[in-house]
Amino acid sequence: MEKLKQQFLEVSDALELGNPAIIEKDYWVVALLSELAKVSPVNHQMVFSGGTALAKSNVKILRMSEDVDIKLIPHQEFGE
């Protein structure tokens, strides 16, 4: 874990961000989404939404979203 923290700091410095927490959050968001992409829910569709989703899609937002929003949308036949 210390090696990762050092890498976050180095990347933050290289990009002149001033805050390695931004890099760390991005790392863990991508890791989470990579794992979720391996899951195929039978009755629902997973949708990545919210401020973090906007930031990852290169939409300019004025604040750093703190959470990761995943919505589960039931397939139509699930309710029948």
N, C-alpha and C. Protein backbone atom coordinates (compact mmCIF):
# COMPACT_ATOMS: atom_id res chain seq x y z
N MET A 1 0.83 -1.20 0.00
CA MET A 1 0.00 0.00 0.00
C MET A 1 0.87 1.26 0.00
N GLU A 2 2.00 1.20 0.70
CA GLU A 2 2.90 2.36 0.71
C GLU A 2 3.42 2.69 -0.68
N LYS A 3 3.67 1.63 -1.48
CA LYS A 3 4.14 1.84 -2.85
C LYS A 3 3.08 2.59 -3.66
N LEU A 4 1.82 2.18 -3.49
CA LEU A 4 0.72 2.87 -4.19
C LEU A 4 0.64 4.34 -3.76
N LYS A 5 0.72 4.58 -2.47
CA LYS A 5 0.65 5.96 -1.96
C LYS A 5 1.75 6.81 -2.56
N GLN A 6 2.95 6.22 -2.68
CA GLN A 6 4.08 6.94 -3.27
C GLN A 6 3.80 7.24 -4.75
N GLN A 7 3.22 6.26 -5.44
CA GLN A 7 2.89 6.47 -6.86
C GLN A 7 1.83 7.55 -7.02
N PHE A 8 0.84 7.57 -6.13
CA PHE A 8 -0.19 8.61 -6.18
C PHE A 8 0.46 9.99 -6.02
N LEU A 9 1.39 10.09 -5.09
CA LEU A 9 2.08 11.35 -4.84
C LEU A 9 2.90 11.77 -6.06
N GLU A 10 3.61 10.82 -6.66
CA GLU A 10 4.44 11.13 -7.83
C GLU A 10 3.59 11.59 -9.01
N VAL A 11 2.48 10.92 -9.24
CA VAL A 11 1.60 11.32 -10.35
C VAL A 11 0.99 12.69 -10.07
N SER A 12 0.56 12.91 -8.85
CA SER A 12 -0.01 14.20 -8.47
C SER A 12 1.01 15.32 -8.68
N ASP A 13 2.25 15.07 -8.28
CA ASP A 13 3.31 16.06 -8.48
C ASP A 13 3.56 16.30 -9.97
N ALA A 14 3.62 15.22 -10.75
CA ALA A 14 3.89 15.34 -12.19
C ALA A 14 2.80 16.14 -12.90
N LEU A 15 1.55 15.97 -12.44
CA LEU A 15 0.43 16.69 -13.05
C LEU A 15 0.15 18.03 -12.38
N GLU A 16 0.96 18.35 -11.37
CA GLU A 16 0.83 19.60 -10.61
C GLU A 16 -0.57 19.78 -10.03
N LEU A 17 -1.10 18.69 -9.47
CA LEU A 17 -2.44 18.74 -8.88
C LEU A 17 -2.43 19.24 -7.45
N GLY A 18 -1.33 18.99 -6.76
CA GLY A 18 -1.23 19.44 -5.38
C GLY A 18 -1.93 18.56 -4.36
N ASN A 19 -2.69 17.58 -4.83
CA ASN A 19 -3.42 16.72 -3.90
C ASN A 19 -3.43 15.28 -4.41
N PRO A 20 -2.62 14.40 -3.83
CA PRO A 20 -2.57 13.02 -4.29
C PRO A 20 -3.88 12.26 -4.07
N ALA A 21 -4.76 12.79 -3.21
CA ALA A 21 -6.05 12.12 -2.96
C ALA A 21 -6.89 12.06 -4.24
N ILE A 22 -6.71 13.03 -5.13
CA ILE A 22 -7.45 13.04 -6.40
C ILE A 22 -7.03 11.84 -7.24
N ILE A 23 -5.73 11.58 -7.29
CA ILE A 23 -5.21 10.44 -8.05
C ILE A 23 -5.63 9.13 -7.40
N GLU A 24 -5.56 9.09 -6.07
CA GLU A 24 -5.94 7.86 -5.35
C GLU A 24 -7.41 7.54 -5.58
N LYS A 25 -8.27 8.54 -5.49
CA LYS A 25 -9.70 8.29 -5.71
C LYS A 25 -9.94 7.78 -7.12
N ASP A 26 -9.29 8.39 -8.10
CA ASP A 26 -9.45 7.96 -9.49
C ASP A 26 -9.00 6.51 -9.66
N TYR A 27 -7.90 6.16 -9.04
CA TYR A 27 -7.38 4.79 -9.11
C TYR A 27 -8.42 3.80 -8.60
N TRP A 28 -8.99 4.09 -7.41
CA TRP A 28 -9.94 3.15 -6.81
C TRP A 28 -11.27 3.13 -7.55
N VAL A 29 -11.69 4.26 -8.11
CA VAL A 29 -12.92 4.28 -8.92
C VAL A 29 -12.76 3.37 -10.13
N VAL A 30 -11.62 3.50 -10.82
CA VAL A 30 -11.37 2.66 -12.00
C VAL A 30 -11.28 1.19 -11.60
N ALA A 31 -10.64 0.89 -10.46
CA ALA A 31 -10.56 -0.49 -9.98
C ALA A 31 -11.95 -1.05 -9.69
N LEU A 32 -12.80 -0.26 -9.03
CA LEU A 32 -14.17 -0.68 -8.73
C LEU A 32 -14.97 -0.91 -10.01
N LEU A 33 -14.90 0.02 -10.94
CA LEU A 33 -15.64 -0.12 -12.19
C LEU A 33 -15.16 -1.32 -12.99
N SER A 34 -13.87 -1.59 -12.95
CA SER A 34 -13.32 -2.76 -13.65
C SER A 34 -13.90 -4.05 -13.07
N GLU A 35 -14.02 -4.11 -11.75
CA GLU A 35 -14.60 -5.30 -11.12
C GLU A 35 -16.09 -5.40 -11.42
N LEU A 36 -16.80 -4.29 -11.35
CA LEU A 36 -18.24 -4.31 -11.63
C LEU A 36 -18.53 -4.69 -13.08
N ALA A 37 -17.63 -4.35 -13.98
CA ALA A 37 -17.82 -4.69 -15.39
C ALA A 37 -17.81 -6.20 -15.61
N LYS A 38 -17.25 -6.95 -14.68
CA LYS A 38 -17.19 -8.41 -14.78
C LYS A 38 -18.49 -9.07 -14.32
N VAL A 39 -19.35 -8.29 -13.67
CA VAL A 39 -20.60 -8.81 -13.12
C VAL A 39 -21.71 -8.65 -14.14
N SER A 40 -22.51 -9.68 -14.31
CA SER A 40 -23.66 -9.61 -15.23
C SER A 40 -24.94 -9.91 -14.45
N PRO A 41 -25.54 -8.88 -13.85
CA PRO A 41 -26.78 -9.13 -13.12
C PRO A 41 -27.87 -9.64 -14.06
N VAL A 42 -28.60 -10.64 -13.61
CA VAL A 42 -29.64 -11.25 -14.44
C VAL A 42 -30.87 -10.35 -14.54
N ASN A 43 -31.26 -9.76 -13.43
CA ASN A 43 -32.53 -9.03 -13.38
C ASN A 43 -32.40 -7.52 -13.45
N HIS A 44 -31.17 -7.02 -13.46
CA HIS A 44 -30.96 -5.58 -13.41
C HIS A 44 -29.85 -5.15 -14.35
N GLN A 45 -29.87 -3.87 -14.69
CA GLN A 45 -28.78 -3.24 -15.42
C GLN A 45 -28.09 -2.30 -14.44
N MET A 46 -26.76 -2.33 -14.39
CA MET A 46 -26.01 -1.40 -13.55
C MET A 46 -25.67 -0.16 -14.35
N VAL A 47 -25.90 1.00 -13.74
CA VAL A 47 -25.62 2.27 -14.41
C VAL A 47 -24.74 3.11 -13.49
N PHE A 48 -23.61 3.55 -14.00
CA PHE A 48 -22.69 4.43 -13.29
C PHE A 48 -23.22 5.84 -13.48
N SER A 49 -23.51 6.55 -12.38
CA SER A 49 -24.13 7.87 -12.49
C SER A 49 -23.53 8.83 -11.48
N GLY A 50 -24.01 10.05 -11.48
CA GLY A 50 -23.58 11.03 -10.49
C GLY A 50 -22.37 11.83 -10.92
N GLY A 51 -21.84 12.59 -9.97
CA GLY A 51 -20.73 13.50 -10.24
C GLY A 51 -19.46 12.80 -10.69
N THR A 52 -19.15 11.65 -10.09
CA THR A 52 -17.95 10.92 -10.48
C THR A 52 -18.09 10.43 -11.91
N ALA A 53 -19.28 9.97 -12.29
CA ALA A 53 -19.50 9.52 -13.67
C ALA A 53 -19.31 10.68 -14.64
N LEU A 54 -19.80 11.86 -14.28
CA LEU A 54 -19.62 13.03 -15.13
C LEU A 54 -18.14 13.37 -15.27
N ALA A 55 -17.42 13.33 -14.16
CA ALA A 55 -15.99 13.64 -14.19
C ALA A 55 -15.22 12.64 -15.05
N LYS A 56 -15.58 11.36 -14.96
CA LYS A 56 -14.90 10.32 -15.74
C LYS A 56 -15.24 10.43 -17.22
N SER A 57 -16.35 11.07 -17.55
CA SER A 57 -16.72 11.22 -18.96
C SER A 57 -16.27 12.57 -19.52
N ASN A 58 -15.35 13.21 -18.80
CA ASN A 58 -14.73 14.48 -19.21
C ASN A 58 -15.68 15.67 -19.23
N VAL A 59 -16.78 15.58 -18.49
CA VAL A 59 -17.64 16.74 -18.30
C VAL A 59 -16.99 17.59 -17.21
N LYS A 60 -16.85 18.87 -17.46
CA LYS A 60 -16.22 19.74 -16.48
C LYS A 60 -17.20 20.01 -15.33
N ILE A 61 -16.78 19.61 -14.13
CA ILE A 61 -17.59 19.90 -12.95
C ILE A 61 -16.74 20.73 -12.00
N LEU A 62 -17.38 21.55 -11.19
CA LEU A 62 -16.67 22.49 -10.33
C LEU A 62 -16.27 21.92 -8.98
N ARG A 63 -16.67 20.72 -8.70
CA ARG A 63 -16.33 20.13 -7.41
C ARG A 63 -15.91 18.68 -7.62
N MET A 64 -15.23 18.15 -6.61
CA MET A 64 -14.83 16.75 -6.67
C MET A 64 -15.90 15.92 -5.96
N SER A 65 -16.52 15.05 -6.68
CA SER A 65 -17.54 14.18 -6.09
C SER A 65 -16.86 13.20 -5.14
N GLU A 66 -17.46 12.97 -3.99
CA GLU A 66 -16.86 12.12 -2.97
C GLU A 66 -17.26 10.66 -3.09
N ASP A 67 -18.36 10.39 -3.78
CA ASP A 67 -18.87 9.02 -3.80
C ASP A 67 -18.94 8.47 -5.22
N VAL A 68 -19.28 7.20 -5.29
CA VAL A 68 -19.48 6.54 -6.58
C VAL A 68 -20.93 6.06 -6.59
N ASP A 69 -21.70 6.57 -7.53
CA ASP A 69 -23.12 6.21 -7.61
C ASP A 69 -23.31 5.11 -8.65
N ILE A 70 -23.84 3.99 -8.20
CA ILE A 70 -24.20 2.89 -9.08
C ILE A 70 -25.69 2.66 -8.90
N LYS A 71 -26.44 2.79 -9.96
CA LYS A 71 -27.88 2.55 -9.89
C LYS A 71 -28.20 1.19 -10.50
N LEU A 72 -29.15 0.51 -9.91
CA LEU A 72 -29.64 -0.75 -10.46
C LEU A 72 -31.01 -0.50 -11.06
N ILE A 73 -31.11 -0.76 -12.34
CA ILE A 73 -32.38 -0.56 -13.05
C ILE A 73 -32.93 -1.94 -13.39
N PRO A 74 -34.10 -2.29 -12.83
CA PRO A 74 -34.65 -3.61 -13.10
C PRO A 74 -35.04 -3.76 -14.57
N HIS A 75 -34.77 -4.93 -15.12
CA HIS A 75 -35.25 -5.23 -16.47
C HIS A 75 -36.77 -5.29 -16.42
N GLN A 76 -37.41 -4.93 -17.50
CA GLN A 76 -38.87 -4.85 -17.54
C GLN A 76 -39.51 -6.16 -17.09
N GLU A 77 -38.99 -7.29 -17.56
CA GLU A 77 -39.59 -8.58 -17.22
C GLU A 77 -39.40 -8.94 -15.74
N PHE A 78 -38.50 -8.26 -15.03
CA PHE A 78 -38.26 -8.55 -13.62
C PHE A 78 -39.50 -8.26 -12.78
N GLY A 79 -40.23 -7.21 -13.14
CA GLY A 79 -41.41 -6.83 -12.38
C GLY A 79 -42.66 -7.62 -12.73
N GLU A 80 -42.58 -8.45 -13.74
CA GLU A 80 -43.78 -9.19 -14.17
C GLU A 80 -43.95 -10.48 -13.42
